[in-house]
């Protein structure tokens, strides 16, 4: 998107993160955004901040919310009038999820939430959401 983006990231369990803390995770994202800003500024011969405010985190506490969030993220370019279908936005994970090409995304886990690829695709044609999102 031209002015914002969404990440859906699964953080490992506390047991898996035994050597990390929440500050370390937040610092990792801060480092990512700072590195991106530096590269962007260098490429376009500019300086200063690129992002208006720090990223926000939302805890996902149930599967229904997760399913709707996936749909929300994929349909965001459609909602803002840039495209007619999520598949048209090449920067989205939508095409990677429906593809059979190798990916580092958790394709199998996402498709299991929707039961199969056909239901995944169909769910992205509906305008109904079970939650109102405030991003």
N, C-alpha and C. Protein backbone atom coordinates (compact mmCIF):
# COMPACT_ATOMS: atom_id res chain seq x y z
N UNK A 1 0.84 -1.17 0.00
CA UNK A 1 0.00 0.00 0.00
C UNK A 1 0.89 1.24 0.00
N UNK A 2 0.36 2.30 -0.45
CA UNK A 2 1.16 3.52 -0.57
C UNK A 2 1.49 4.15 0.78
N UNK A 3 0.60 4.01 1.76
CA UNK A 3 0.83 4.74 3.01
C UNK A 3 0.80 3.88 4.27
N UNK A 4 0.64 2.57 4.13
CA UNK A 4 0.68 1.71 5.31
C UNK A 4 0.85 0.25 4.88
N UNK A 5 1.10 -0.59 5.85
CA UNK A 5 1.21 -2.01 5.59
C UNK A 5 0.79 -2.78 6.83
N UNK A 6 0.51 -4.05 6.62
CA UNK A 6 0.13 -4.93 7.71
C UNK A 6 1.02 -6.16 7.68
N UNK A 7 1.47 -6.58 8.84
CA UNK A 7 2.19 -7.84 9.01
C UNK A 7 1.36 -8.70 9.94
N UNK A 8 1.25 -9.96 9.63
CA UNK A 8 0.68 -10.93 10.56
C UNK A 8 1.81 -11.89 10.87
N UNK A 9 2.28 -11.81 12.09
CA UNK A 9 3.46 -12.58 12.47
C UNK A 9 3.14 -13.40 13.71
N UNK A 10 3.46 -14.66 13.64
CA UNK A 10 3.29 -15.53 14.80
C UNK A 10 4.60 -15.51 15.60
N UNK A 11 4.47 -15.12 16.84
CA UNK A 11 5.63 -15.13 17.74
C UNK A 11 5.70 -16.51 18.38
N UNK A 12 6.88 -17.01 18.53
CA UNK A 12 7.04 -18.33 19.14
C UNK A 12 6.50 -18.34 20.56
N UNK A 13 6.22 -19.52 21.05
CA UNK A 13 5.71 -19.66 22.41
C UNK A 13 6.78 -19.23 23.42
N UNK A 14 6.35 -18.98 24.64
CA UNK A 14 7.30 -18.57 25.69
C UNK A 14 8.38 -19.62 25.87
N UNK A 15 8.01 -20.88 25.75
CA UNK A 15 8.99 -21.96 25.89
C UNK A 15 10.05 -21.88 24.79
N UNK A 16 9.61 -21.59 23.56
CA UNK A 16 10.54 -21.47 22.43
C UNK A 16 11.38 -20.20 22.53
N UNK A 17 10.88 -19.21 23.24
CA UNK A 17 11.56 -17.92 23.37
C UNK A 17 12.30 -17.80 24.70
N UNK A 18 12.73 -18.89 25.24
CA UNK A 18 13.35 -18.90 26.57
C UNK A 18 14.51 -17.91 26.67
N UNK A 19 15.24 -17.69 25.59
CA UNK A 19 16.39 -16.79 25.63
C UNK A 19 16.06 -15.38 25.15
N UNK A 20 14.80 -15.11 24.87
CA UNK A 20 14.40 -13.80 24.39
C UNK A 20 13.43 -13.17 25.37
N UNK A 21 13.22 -11.89 25.20
CA UNK A 21 12.17 -11.23 25.96
C UNK A 21 11.40 -10.32 25.02
N UNK A 22 10.30 -9.76 25.50
CA UNK A 22 9.46 -8.93 24.64
C UNK A 22 10.22 -7.73 24.09
N UNK A 23 11.13 -7.20 24.88
CA UNK A 23 11.92 -6.06 24.42
C UNK A 23 12.78 -6.46 23.24
N UNK A 24 13.34 -7.66 23.28
CA UNK A 24 14.18 -8.14 22.18
C UNK A 24 13.36 -8.24 20.89
N UNK A 25 12.13 -8.75 20.98
CA UNK A 25 11.27 -8.87 19.81
C UNK A 25 10.95 -7.49 19.25
N UNK A 26 10.56 -6.56 20.12
CA UNK A 26 10.26 -5.19 19.68
C UNK A 26 11.49 -4.55 19.06
N UNK A 27 12.65 -4.79 19.65
CA UNK A 27 13.89 -4.22 19.12
C UNK A 27 14.20 -4.78 17.73
N UNK A 28 13.88 -6.04 17.51
CA UNK A 28 14.09 -6.64 16.19
C UNK A 28 13.27 -5.94 15.12
N UNK A 29 12.01 -5.63 15.44
CA UNK A 29 11.17 -4.90 14.49
C UNK A 29 11.67 -3.48 14.31
N UNK A 30 12.09 -2.87 15.38
CA UNK A 30 12.64 -1.52 15.28
C UNK A 30 13.86 -1.51 14.36
N UNK A 31 14.72 -2.49 14.52
CA UNK A 31 15.91 -2.60 13.66
C UNK A 31 15.51 -2.78 12.20
N UNK A 32 14.50 -3.60 11.95
CA UNK A 32 14.02 -3.83 10.58
C UNK A 32 13.53 -2.52 9.96
N UNK A 33 12.68 -1.79 10.68
CA UNK A 33 12.13 -0.55 10.15
C UNK A 33 13.21 0.51 9.98
N UNK A 34 14.15 0.58 10.90
CA UNK A 34 15.25 1.54 10.78
C UNK A 34 16.13 1.22 9.57
N UNK A 35 16.44 -0.06 9.37
CA UNK A 35 17.27 -0.45 8.23
C UNK A 35 16.55 -0.13 6.91
N UNK A 36 15.25 -0.40 6.88
CA UNK A 36 14.47 -0.10 5.68
C UNK A 36 14.47 1.40 5.41
N UNK A 37 14.27 2.19 6.44
CA UNK A 37 14.25 3.65 6.29
C UNK A 37 15.59 4.15 5.76
N UNK A 38 16.69 3.65 6.30
CA UNK A 38 18.02 4.07 5.84
C UNK A 38 18.21 3.73 4.37
N UNK A 39 17.83 2.50 3.97
CA UNK A 39 17.99 2.10 2.57
C UNK A 39 17.10 2.93 1.65
N UNK A 40 15.87 3.18 2.07
CA UNK A 40 14.94 3.98 1.29
C UNK A 40 15.47 5.40 1.13
N UNK A 41 15.93 5.99 2.23
CA UNK A 41 16.45 7.36 2.19
C UNK A 41 17.68 7.45 1.29
N UNK A 42 18.53 6.45 1.36
CA UNK A 42 19.73 6.46 0.51
C UNK A 42 19.34 6.35 -0.97
N UNK A 43 18.43 5.46 -1.27
CA UNK A 43 18.01 5.25 -2.66
C UNK A 43 17.37 6.51 -3.24
N UNK A 44 16.56 7.20 -2.45
CA UNK A 44 15.82 8.35 -2.95
C UNK A 44 16.43 9.70 -2.52
N UNK A 45 17.66 9.64 -2.03
CA UNK A 45 18.40 10.85 -1.66
C UNK A 45 17.57 11.75 -0.73
N UNK A 46 17.09 11.17 0.32
CA UNK A 46 16.29 11.92 1.29
C UNK A 46 16.82 11.62 2.69
N UNK A 47 16.28 12.30 3.68
CA UNK A 47 16.67 12.05 5.07
C UNK A 47 15.45 12.22 5.97
N UNK A 48 15.58 11.74 7.18
CA UNK A 48 14.48 11.87 8.14
C UNK A 48 13.68 10.59 8.27
N UNK A 49 12.65 10.69 9.08
CA UNK A 49 11.83 9.52 9.35
C UNK A 49 10.98 9.17 8.14
N UNK A 50 10.63 7.92 8.06
CA UNK A 50 9.80 7.43 6.97
C UNK A 50 8.42 7.05 7.51
N UNK A 51 8.38 6.58 8.73
CA UNK A 51 7.14 6.13 9.34
C UNK A 51 6.65 7.18 10.33
N UNK A 52 5.34 7.43 10.31
CA UNK A 52 4.76 8.46 11.17
C UNK A 52 4.75 8.07 12.63
N UNK A 53 4.50 6.83 12.93
CA UNK A 53 4.43 6.40 14.32
C UNK A 53 4.92 4.96 14.42
N UNK A 54 5.25 4.52 15.63
CA UNK A 54 5.73 3.14 15.78
C UNK A 54 4.64 2.13 15.41
N UNK A 55 5.09 0.93 15.13
CA UNK A 55 4.13 -0.11 14.79
C UNK A 55 3.26 -0.45 15.99
N UNK A 56 2.10 -0.99 15.68
CA UNK A 56 1.19 -1.40 16.74
C UNK A 56 1.07 -2.91 16.73
N UNK A 57 0.90 -3.47 17.90
CA UNK A 57 0.72 -4.91 18.04
C UNK A 57 -0.70 -5.17 18.52
N UNK A 58 -1.27 -6.21 17.96
CA UNK A 58 -2.60 -6.66 18.40
C UNK A 58 -2.49 -8.15 18.69
N UNK A 59 -2.89 -8.54 19.88
CA UNK A 59 -2.87 -9.94 20.25
C UNK A 59 -4.06 -10.65 19.61
N UNK A 60 -3.79 -11.77 19.02
CA UNK A 60 -4.85 -12.56 18.40
C UNK A 60 -5.13 -13.72 19.33
N UNK A 61 -6.33 -13.72 19.90
CA UNK A 61 -6.61 -14.68 20.95
C UNK A 61 -7.57 -15.81 20.57
N UNK A 62 -8.02 -15.82 19.31
CA UNK A 62 -8.85 -16.95 18.89
C UNK A 62 -8.78 -17.14 17.38
N UNK A 63 -9.15 -18.32 16.95
CA UNK A 63 -9.01 -18.69 15.55
C UNK A 63 -9.93 -17.87 14.63
N UNK A 64 -11.13 -17.58 15.07
CA UNK A 64 -12.06 -16.79 14.26
C UNK A 64 -11.49 -15.41 13.97
N UNK A 65 -10.91 -14.80 14.98
CA UNK A 65 -10.28 -13.49 14.81
C UNK A 65 -9.11 -13.59 13.83
N UNK A 66 -8.31 -14.65 13.96
CA UNK A 66 -7.17 -14.85 13.06
C UNK A 66 -7.63 -14.99 11.61
N UNK A 67 -8.65 -15.77 11.37
CA UNK A 67 -9.17 -15.96 10.01
C UNK A 67 -9.63 -14.63 9.43
N UNK A 68 -10.37 -13.87 10.22
CA UNK A 68 -10.86 -12.58 9.73
C UNK A 68 -9.73 -11.58 9.53
N UNK A 69 -8.71 -11.66 10.34
CA UNK A 69 -7.56 -10.76 10.18
C UNK A 69 -6.81 -11.07 8.88
N UNK A 70 -6.64 -12.34 8.59
CA UNK A 70 -6.00 -12.74 7.32
C UNK A 70 -6.79 -12.17 6.14
N UNK A 71 -8.11 -12.33 6.18
CA UNK A 71 -8.95 -11.80 5.11
C UNK A 71 -8.86 -10.27 5.06
N UNK A 72 -8.88 -9.63 6.20
CA UNK A 72 -8.80 -8.17 6.26
C UNK A 72 -7.51 -7.68 5.60
N UNK A 73 -6.41 -8.29 5.95
CA UNK A 73 -5.12 -7.87 5.39
C UNK A 73 -5.09 -8.06 3.88
N UNK A 74 -5.53 -9.23 3.42
CA UNK A 74 -5.52 -9.49 1.98
C UNK A 74 -6.47 -8.59 1.21
N UNK A 75 -7.59 -8.22 1.82
CA UNK A 75 -8.58 -7.41 1.13
C UNK A 75 -8.37 -5.91 1.31
N UNK A 76 -7.37 -5.52 2.08
CA UNK A 76 -7.13 -4.10 2.35
C UNK A 76 -6.91 -3.28 1.07
N UNK A 77 -6.12 -3.74 0.09
CA UNK A 77 -5.97 -2.97 -1.15
C UNK A 77 -7.27 -2.85 -1.94
N UNK A 78 -8.14 -3.83 -1.81
CA UNK A 78 -9.46 -3.77 -2.45
C UNK A 78 -10.33 -2.75 -1.72
N UNK A 79 -10.32 -2.81 -0.41
CA UNK A 79 -11.09 -1.89 0.42
C UNK A 79 -10.74 -0.43 0.12
N UNK A 80 -9.47 -0.16 -0.11
CA UNK A 80 -9.02 1.21 -0.38
C UNK A 80 -9.15 1.60 -1.86
N UNK A 81 -9.70 0.70 -2.67
CA UNK A 81 -10.02 1.03 -4.06
C UNK A 81 -8.86 0.92 -5.03
N UNK A 82 -7.76 0.30 -4.62
CA UNK A 82 -6.62 0.18 -5.53
C UNK A 82 -6.79 -0.98 -6.51
N UNK A 83 -7.51 -2.01 -6.08
CA UNK A 83 -7.68 -3.21 -6.89
C UNK A 83 -9.08 -3.76 -6.72
N UNK A 84 -9.46 -4.66 -7.62
CA UNK A 84 -10.77 -5.30 -7.55
C UNK A 84 -10.74 -6.62 -6.78
N UNK A 85 -9.55 -7.24 -6.69
CA UNK A 85 -9.42 -8.55 -6.03
C UNK A 85 -8.04 -8.64 -5.37
N UNK A 86 -7.95 -9.32 -4.24
CA UNK A 86 -6.66 -9.43 -3.54
C UNK A 86 -5.53 -10.01 -4.40
N UNK A 87 -5.85 -10.85 -5.35
CA UNK A 87 -4.83 -11.46 -6.21
C UNK A 87 -4.11 -10.44 -7.09
N UNK A 88 -4.70 -9.28 -7.28
CA UNK A 88 -4.10 -8.25 -8.13
C UNK A 88 -2.97 -7.51 -7.44
N UNK A 89 -2.92 -7.56 -6.12
CA UNK A 89 -1.90 -6.83 -5.36
C UNK A 89 -0.70 -7.74 -5.15
N UNK A 90 0.34 -7.51 -5.92
CA UNK A 90 1.47 -8.45 -5.94
C UNK A 90 2.28 -8.47 -4.64
N UNK A 91 2.14 -7.46 -3.79
CA UNK A 91 2.93 -7.41 -2.56
C UNK A 91 2.25 -8.14 -1.41
N UNK A 92 1.11 -8.70 -1.66
CA UNK A 92 0.36 -9.43 -0.65
C UNK A 92 0.81 -10.89 -0.59
N UNK A 93 0.53 -11.53 0.52
CA UNK A 93 0.82 -12.96 0.64
C UNK A 93 -0.28 -13.82 0.00
N UNK A 94 -1.34 -13.20 -0.44
CA UNK A 94 -2.47 -13.94 -1.02
C UNK A 94 -2.00 -14.90 -2.11
N UNK A 95 -1.25 -14.42 -3.08
CA UNK A 95 -0.80 -15.27 -4.19
C UNK A 95 0.13 -16.38 -3.72
N UNK A 96 0.96 -16.10 -2.73
CA UNK A 96 1.84 -17.13 -2.19
C UNK A 96 1.05 -18.22 -1.48
N UNK A 97 -0.03 -17.84 -0.83
CA UNK A 97 -0.85 -18.83 -0.12
C UNK A 97 -1.55 -19.75 -1.11
N UNK A 98 -2.04 -19.25 -2.22
CA UNK A 98 -2.78 -20.09 -3.17
C UNK A 98 -1.85 -20.80 -4.16
N UNK A 99 -0.58 -20.42 -4.17
CA UNK A 99 0.39 -21.01 -5.08
C UNK A 99 0.92 -22.34 -4.53
N UNK A 100 1.57 -23.07 -5.39
CA UNK A 100 2.26 -24.28 -4.95
C UNK A 100 3.77 -24.08 -4.96
N UNK A 101 4.21 -22.87 -5.30
CA UNK A 101 5.63 -22.58 -5.32
C UNK A 101 6.18 -22.57 -3.89
N UNK A 102 7.45 -22.89 -3.72
CA UNK A 102 8.05 -22.87 -2.38
C UNK A 102 7.93 -21.48 -1.75
N UNK A 103 7.69 -21.46 -0.45
CA UNK A 103 7.57 -20.21 0.29
C UNK A 103 7.98 -20.44 1.74
N UNK A 104 8.40 -19.38 2.38
CA UNK A 104 8.71 -19.46 3.81
C UNK A 104 7.47 -19.18 4.66
N UNK A 105 6.39 -18.78 4.00
CA UNK A 105 5.14 -18.56 4.72
C UNK A 105 4.59 -19.89 5.23
N UNK A 106 3.77 -19.83 6.24
CA UNK A 106 3.14 -21.02 6.80
C UNK A 106 1.87 -21.32 6.02
N UNK A 107 2.05 -21.63 4.73
CA UNK A 107 0.92 -21.85 3.82
C UNK A 107 -0.02 -22.94 4.32
N UNK A 108 0.53 -24.06 4.69
CA UNK A 108 -0.28 -25.19 5.13
C UNK A 108 -1.15 -24.79 6.34
N UNK A 109 -0.56 -24.11 7.30
CA UNK A 109 -1.29 -23.70 8.49
C UNK A 109 -2.40 -22.71 8.15
N UNK A 110 -2.13 -21.79 7.23
CA UNK A 110 -3.15 -20.82 6.83
C UNK A 110 -4.29 -21.53 6.12
N UNK A 111 -3.97 -22.39 5.17
CA UNK A 111 -5.02 -23.08 4.43
C UNK A 111 -5.85 -24.00 5.33
N UNK A 112 -5.23 -24.58 6.35
CA UNK A 112 -5.98 -25.41 7.30
C UNK A 112 -7.02 -24.59 8.05
N UNK A 113 -6.73 -23.31 8.30
CA UNK A 113 -7.71 -22.45 8.95
C UNK A 113 -8.97 -22.30 8.10
N UNK A 114 -8.79 -22.35 6.78
CA UNK A 114 -9.90 -22.18 5.83
C UNK A 114 -10.38 -23.52 5.28
N UNK A 115 -9.82 -24.59 5.76
CA UNK A 115 -10.09 -25.99 5.37
C UNK A 115 -9.37 -26.40 4.09
N UNK A 116 -9.34 -25.52 3.07
CA UNK A 116 -8.65 -25.85 1.83
C UNK A 116 -8.50 -24.58 0.99
N UNK A 117 -7.80 -24.69 -0.11
CA UNK A 117 -7.51 -23.51 -0.94
C UNK A 117 -8.78 -22.94 -1.57
N UNK A 118 -9.73 -23.80 -1.91
CA UNK A 118 -10.97 -23.31 -2.51
C UNK A 118 -11.75 -22.44 -1.53
N UNK A 119 -11.85 -22.88 -0.29
CA UNK A 119 -12.53 -22.08 0.73
C UNK A 119 -11.76 -20.80 1.04
N UNK A 120 -10.44 -20.88 1.00
CA UNK A 120 -9.61 -19.69 1.21
C UNK A 120 -9.96 -18.65 0.15
N UNK A 121 -9.97 -19.07 -1.12
CA UNK A 121 -10.30 -18.15 -2.22
C UNK A 121 -11.72 -17.61 -2.08
N UNK A 122 -12.67 -18.51 -1.80
CA UNK A 122 -14.06 -18.10 -1.67
C UNK A 122 -14.24 -17.10 -0.53
N UNK A 123 -13.56 -17.32 0.57
CA UNK A 123 -13.71 -16.43 1.73
C UNK A 123 -13.24 -15.02 1.42
N UNK A 124 -12.39 -14.88 0.43
CA UNK A 124 -11.88 -13.56 0.05
C UNK A 124 -12.79 -12.84 -0.95
N UNK A 125 -13.88 -13.50 -1.35
CA UNK A 125 -14.84 -12.84 -2.24
C UNK A 125 -16.00 -12.23 -1.46
N UNK A 126 -16.14 -12.61 -0.20
CA UNK A 126 -17.22 -12.11 0.64
C UNK A 126 -16.82 -10.80 1.31
N UNK A 127 -17.78 -9.92 1.50
CA UNK A 127 -17.52 -8.66 2.20
C UNK A 127 -17.83 -8.76 3.69
N UNK A 128 -18.32 -9.89 4.14
CA UNK A 128 -18.71 -10.05 5.54
C UNK A 128 -17.50 -10.36 6.42
N UNK A 129 -17.39 -9.65 7.52
CA UNK A 129 -16.39 -9.94 8.54
C UNK A 129 -17.12 -10.14 9.85
N UNK A 130 -16.60 -11.02 10.67
CA UNK A 130 -17.22 -11.26 11.97
C UNK A 130 -16.72 -10.30 13.03
N UNK A 131 -15.71 -9.53 12.73
CA UNK A 131 -15.17 -8.56 13.67
C UNK A 131 -15.00 -7.22 12.97
N UNK A 132 -15.14 -6.17 13.71
CA UNK A 132 -14.77 -4.85 13.21
C UNK A 132 -13.35 -4.60 13.63
N UNK A 133 -12.52 -4.21 12.70
CA UNK A 133 -11.13 -3.97 13.00
C UNK A 133 -10.89 -2.48 13.10
N UNK A 134 -10.08 -2.09 14.03
CA UNK A 134 -9.73 -0.68 14.22
C UNK A 134 -8.22 -0.56 14.13
N UNK A 135 -7.71 -0.40 12.90
CA UNK A 135 -6.27 -0.31 12.71
C UNK A 135 -5.88 1.12 12.52
